């Protein structure tokens, strides 16, 4: 009897691991998702990464796009949870419901781009976090995916 092993492909199996690079490709910080894969936060630019979050994302809302250690703790918690497919192929949306120290309910939304990131002709693996923001109240990951960020 012949046994045939079937290996089911998962998104992580097809990913090019992230590598540090110059300028926008620089990895500022790395998180780990629930599958054990590194999720980089790159320096980025106005379209993704730390710079995108710093300017308040596509909405330019700096109030809910935070780079504080408290916010990053919420990012890490979100990344440990299951994700849904985002608005474009290769995007993953994560969320985490939490309460601020002042007692306000919020949902942290983190969007990750798993497509390869090329800078100056070099491939630096998948892009990583493109944006992270909170919304007031406790909502599903689907709500994060439909929210501007």
C-alpha atoms as a PDB file:
ATOM      1  CA  UNK A   1       0.000   0.000   0.000  1.00  0.00           C
ATOM      2  CA  UNK A   2       1.331   3.401  -0.980  1.00  0.00           C
ATOM      3  CA  UNK A   3       0.765   6.323   1.343  1.00  0.00           C
ATOM      4  CA  UNK A   4       0.500   9.744  -0.207  1.00  0.00           C
ATOM      5  CA  UNK A   5       1.225  12.711   2.029  1.00  0.00           C
ATOM      6  CA  UNK A   6      -0.567  15.908   1.177  1.00  0.00           C
ATOM      7  CA  UNK A   7       0.893  19.140   2.442  1.00  0.00           C
ATOM      8  CA  UNK A   8      -1.676  21.888   2.653  1.00  0.00           C
ATOM      9  CA  UNK A   9      -0.225  25.243   1.769  1.00  0.00           C
ATOM     10  CA  UNK A  10      -0.705  27.989   4.288  1.00  0.00           C
ATOM     11  CA  UNK A  11      -0.053  31.680   3.693  1.00  0.00           C
ATOM     12  CA  UNK A  12       3.001  31.520   5.951  1.00  0.00           C
ATOM     13  CA  UNK A  13       4.563  28.776   3.824  1.00  0.00           C
ATOM     14  CA  UNK A  14       4.589  31.032   0.768  1.00  0.00           C
ATOM     15  CA  UNK A  15       5.993  34.108   2.516  1.00  0.00           C
ATOM     16  CA  UNK A  16       9.481  35.457   2.068  1.00  0.00           C
ATOM     17  CA  UNK A  17      10.719  36.161   5.614  1.00  0.00           C
ATOM     18  CA  UNK A  18      11.231  39.854   6.344  1.00  0.00           C
ATOM     19  CA  UNK A  19      14.754  41.268   6.187  1.00  0.00           C
ATOM     20  CA  UNK A  20      16.016  44.556   7.538  1.00  0.00           C
ATOM     21  CA  UNK A  21      17.034  47.123   4.958  1.00  0.00           C
ATOM     22  CA  UNK A  22      17.815  50.780   4.393  1.00  0.00           C
ATOM     23  CA  UNK A  23      15.426  53.738   4.546  1.00  0.00           C
ATOM     24  CA  UNK A  24      11.760  52.678   4.274  1.00  0.00           C
ATOM     25  CA  UNK A  25      12.769  48.978   4.468  1.00  0.00           C
ATOM     26  CA  UNK A  26      14.335  49.446   7.921  1.00  0.00           C
ATOM     27  CA  UNK A  27      12.692  47.252  10.558  1.00  0.00           C
ATOM     28  CA  UNK A  28      12.012  49.434  13.600  1.00  0.00           C
ATOM     29  CA  UNK A  29      10.410  46.700  15.708  1.00  0.00           C
ATOM     30  CA  UNK A  30       9.231  43.143  15.214  1.00  0.00           C
ATOM     31  CA  UNK A  31       6.189  41.409  16.657  1.00  0.00           C
ATOM     32  CA  UNK A  32       5.162  37.752  16.465  1.00  0.00           C
ATOM     33  CA  UNK A  33       1.813  36.560  15.163  1.00  0.00           C
ATOM     34  CA  UNK A  34      -0.192  33.621  16.501  1.00  0.00           C
ATOM     35  CA  UNK A  35       1.514  31.301  14.021  1.00  0.00           C
ATOM     36  CA  UNK A  36       4.963  32.233  15.310  1.00  0.00           C
ATOM     37  CA  UNK A  37       5.938  34.346  12.294  1.00  0.00           C
ATOM     38  CA  UNK A  38       7.727  37.681  12.736  1.00  0.00           C
ATOM     39  CA  UNK A  39       5.637  40.713  11.801  1.00  0.00           C
ATOM     40  CA  UNK A  40       7.865  43.717  11.142  1.00  0.00           C
ATOM     41  CA  UNK A  41       7.063  47.359  11.699  1.00  0.00           C
ATOM     42  CA  UNK A  42       9.182  49.124   9.096  1.00  0.00           C
ATOM     43  CA  UNK A  43      10.156  52.804   9.000  1.00  0.00           C
ATOM     44  CA  UNK A  44       7.905  53.003   5.948  1.00  0.00           C
ATOM     45  CA  UNK A  45       6.611  56.188   4.376  1.00  0.00           C
ATOM     46  CA  UNK A  46       3.303  58.063   4.172  1.00  0.00           C
ATOM     47  CA  UNK A  47       1.681  54.898   2.741  1.00  0.00           C
ATOM     48  CA  UNK A  48       2.714  52.279   5.311  1.00  0.00           C
ATOM     49  CA  UNK A  49       4.603  51.497   8.474  1.00  0.00           C
ATOM     50  CA  UNK A  50       5.740  53.731  11.295  1.00  0.00           C
ATOM     51  CA  UNK A  51       5.641  56.931   9.223  1.00  0.00           C
ATOM     52  CA  UNK A  52       2.103  56.168   7.999  1.00  0.00           C
ATOM     53  CA  UNK A  53       0.927  55.623  11.565  1.00  0.00           C
ATOM     54  CA  UNK A  54       2.776  58.730  12.797  1.00  0.00           C
ATOM     55  CA  UNK A  55       0.883  60.963  10.330  1.00  0.00           C
ATOM     56  CA  UNK A  56      -2.461  59.447  11.343  1.00  0.00           C
ATOM     57  CA  UNK A  57      -2.852  56.954   8.504  1.00  0.00           C
ATOM     58  CA  UNK A  58      -4.908  57.667   5.415  1.00  0.00           C
ATOM     59  CA  UNK A  59      -7.376  59.698   7.509  1.00  0.00           C
ATOM     60  CA  UNK A  60      -4.594  61.809   9.084  1.00  0.00           C
ATOM     61  CA  UNK A  61      -6.187  61.116  12.493  1.00  0.00           C
ATOM     62  CA  UNK A  62      -3.184  61.155  14.815  1.00  0.00           C
ATOM     63  CA  UNK A  63      -5.403  60.711  17.892  1.00  0.00           C
ATOM     64  CA  UNK A  64      -6.247  57.078  17.118  1.00  0.00           C
ATOM     65  CA  UNK A  65      -2.985  56.137  15.369  1.00  0.00           C
ATOM     66  CA  UNK A  66      -0.649  55.732  18.308  1.00  0.00           C
ATOM     67  CA  UNK A  67       2.967  54.632  18.555  1.00  0.00           C
ATOM     68  CA  UNK A  68       2.993  54.475  22.351  1.00  0.00           C
ATOM     69  CA  UNK A  69       4.177  51.405  24.229  1.00  0.00           C
ATOM     70  CA  UNK A  70       0.598  50.922  25.483  1.00  0.00           C
ATOM     71  CA  UNK A  71      -0.712  50.919  21.901  1.00  0.00           C
ATOM     72  CA  UNK A  72       2.011  48.526  20.771  1.00  0.00           C
ATOM     73  CA  UNK A  73       1.024  46.161  23.585  1.00  0.00           C
ATOM     74  CA  UNK A  74      -2.463  46.123  22.050  1.00  0.00           C
ATOM     75  CA  UNK A  75      -0.964  45.494  18.583  1.00  0.00           C
ATOM     76  CA  UNK A  76       0.922  42.498  19.966  1.00  0.00           C
ATOM     77  CA  UNK A  77      -2.274  41.131  21.527  1.00  0.00           C
ATOM     78  CA  UNK A  78      -4.169  41.579  18.227  1.00  0.00           C
ATOM     79  CA  UNK A  79      -1.442  39.837  16.221  1.00  0.00           C
ATOM     80  CA  UNK A  80      -1.704  36.757  18.445  1.00  0.00           C
ATOM     81  CA  UNK A  81      -5.347  36.300  17.424  1.00  0.00           C
ATOM     82  CA  UNK A  82      -6.906  34.968  14.238  1.00  0.00           C
ATOM     83  CA  UNK A  83      -7.078  37.250  11.237  1.00  0.00           C
ATOM     84  CA  UNK A  84      -9.336  37.855   8.261  1.00  0.00           C
ATOM     85  CA  UNK A  85      -8.360  38.639   4.691  1.00  0.00           C
ATOM     86  CA  UNK A  86      -8.100  42.357   4.158  1.00  0.00           C
ATOM     87  CA  UNK A  87      -9.045  44.627   1.281  1.00  0.00           C
ATOM     88  CA  UNK A  88      -6.328  43.419  -1.106  1.00  0.00           C
ATOM     89  CA  UNK A  89      -4.673  40.047  -1.771  1.00  0.00           C
ATOM     90  CA  UNK A  90      -1.998  39.356   0.822  1.00  0.00           C
ATOM     91  CA  UNK A  91      -3.452  41.647   3.469  1.00  0.00           C
ATOM     92  CA  UNK A  92      -4.400  40.403   6.917  1.00  0.00           C
ATOM     93  CA  UNK A  93      -6.541  42.286   9.436  1.00  0.00           C
ATOM     94  CA  UNK A  94      -6.226  41.596  13.152  1.00  0.00           C
ATOM     95  CA  UNK A  95      -8.136  43.067  16.090  1.00  0.00           C
ATOM     96  CA  UNK A  96      -8.074  43.117  19.868  1.00  0.00           C
ATOM     97  CA  UNK A  97     -10.742  44.433  22.240  1.00  0.00           C
ATOM     98  CA  UNK A  98      -9.335  46.205  25.300  1.00  0.00           C
ATOM     99  CA  UNK A  99     -10.016  48.830  27.921  1.00  0.00           C
ATOM    100  CA  UNK A 100      -7.885  51.920  28.490  1.00  0.00           C
ATOM    101  CA  UNK A 101      -6.542  52.657  31.984  1.00  0.00           C
ATOM    102  CA  UNK A 102      -9.365  55.223  32.210  1.00  0.00           C
ATOM    103  CA  UNK A 103     -12.003  52.564  31.501  1.00  0.00           C
ATOM    104  CA  UNK A 104     -12.833  53.347  27.864  1.00  0.00           C
ATOM    105  CA  UNK A 105     -13.650  50.381  25.608  1.00  0.00           C
ATOM    106  CA  UNK A 106     -11.645  50.272  22.381  1.00  0.00           C
ATOM    107  CA  UNK A 107     -10.749  47.899  19.575  1.00  0.00           C
ATOM    108  CA  UNK A 108      -7.198  47.918  18.206  1.00  0.00           C
ATOM    109  CA  UNK A 109      -7.007  47.196  14.487  1.00  0.00           C
ATOM    110  CA  UNK A 110      -3.749  46.086  12.859  1.00  0.00           C
ATOM    111  CA  UNK A 111      -3.365  45.614   9.101  1.00  0.00           C
ATOM    112  CA  UNK A 112      -0.452  43.551   7.772  1.00  0.00           C
ATOM    113  CA  UNK A 113       0.753  43.274   4.174  1.00  0.00           C
ATOM    114  CA  UNK A 114       2.290  39.846   3.483  1.00  0.00           C
ATOM    115  CA  UNK A 115       3.319  40.719  -0.076  1.00  0.00           C
ATOM    116  CA  UNK A 116       7.019  41.029  -0.823  1.00  0.00           C
ATOM    117  CA  UNK A 117       8.486  44.496  -0.313  1.00  0.00           C
ATOM    118  CA  UNK A 118      11.030  45.645  -2.871  1.00  0.00           C
ATOM    119  CA  UNK A 119      13.141  48.720  -2.231  1.00  0.00           C
ATOM    120  CA  UNK A 120      15.853  49.928  -4.631  1.00  0.00           C
ATOM    121  CA  UNK A 121      15.662  46.660  -6.546  1.00  0.00           C
ATOM    122  CA  UNK A 122      16.128  44.413  -3.491  1.00  0.00           C
ATOM    123  CA  UNK A 123      13.493  42.142  -1.962  1.00  0.00           C
ATOM    124  CA  UNK A 124      13.206  42.630   1.804  1.00  0.00           C
ATOM    125  CA  UNK A 125      10.589  39.932   2.359  1.00  0.00           C
ATOM    126  CA  UNK A 126       7.026  40.709   3.255  1.00  0.00           C
ATOM    127  CA  UNK A 127       6.163  44.291   4.105  1.00  0.00           C
ATOM    128  CA  UNK A 128       4.606  43.807   7.562  1.00  0.00           C
ATOM    129  CA  UNK A 129       2.441  46.274   9.472  1.00  0.00           C
ATOM    130  CA  UNK A 130       1.003  48.901   7.172  1.00  0.00           C
ATOM    131  CA  UNK A 131      -1.266  50.572   9.703  1.00  0.00           C
ATOM    132  CA  UNK A 132      -2.566  50.248  13.255  1.00  0.00           C
ATOM    133  CA  UNK A 133      -5.354  52.282  14.820  1.00  0.00           C
ATOM    134  CA  UNK A 134      -8.045  52.042  17.449  1.00  0.00           C
ATOM    135  CA  UNK A 135     -11.782  52.538  17.163  1.00  0.00           C
ATOM    136  CA  UNK A 136     -13.997  53.494  20.099  1.00  0.00           C
ATOM    137  CA  UNK A 137     -16.038  50.582  21.445  1.00  0.00           C
ATOM    138  CA  UNK A 138     -15.709  46.832  21.099  1.00  0.00           C
ATOM    139  CA  UNK A 139     -16.051  45.662  17.487  1.00  0.00           C
ATOM    140  CA  UNK A 140     -15.253  42.674  15.287  1.00  0.00           C
ATOM    141  CA  UNK A 141     -12.269  42.300  12.994  1.00  0.00           C
ATOM    142  CA  UNK A 142     -14.699  42.783  10.096  1.00  0.00           C
ATOM    143  CA  UNK A 143     -15.435  46.289  11.389  1.00  0.00           C
ATOM    144  CA  UNK A 144     -11.691  46.993  11.452  1.00  0.00           C
ATOM    145  CA  UNK A 145     -11.454  45.885   7.830  1.00  0.00           C
ATOM    146  CA  UNK A 146     -14.191  48.296   6.775  1.00  0.00           C
ATOM    147  CA  UNK A 147     -12.841  51.237   8.811  1.00  0.00           C
ATOM    148  CA  UNK A 148     -10.589  53.812   7.149  1.00  0.00           C
ATOM    149  CA  UNK A 149      -7.138  53.614   8.629  1.00  0.00           C
END
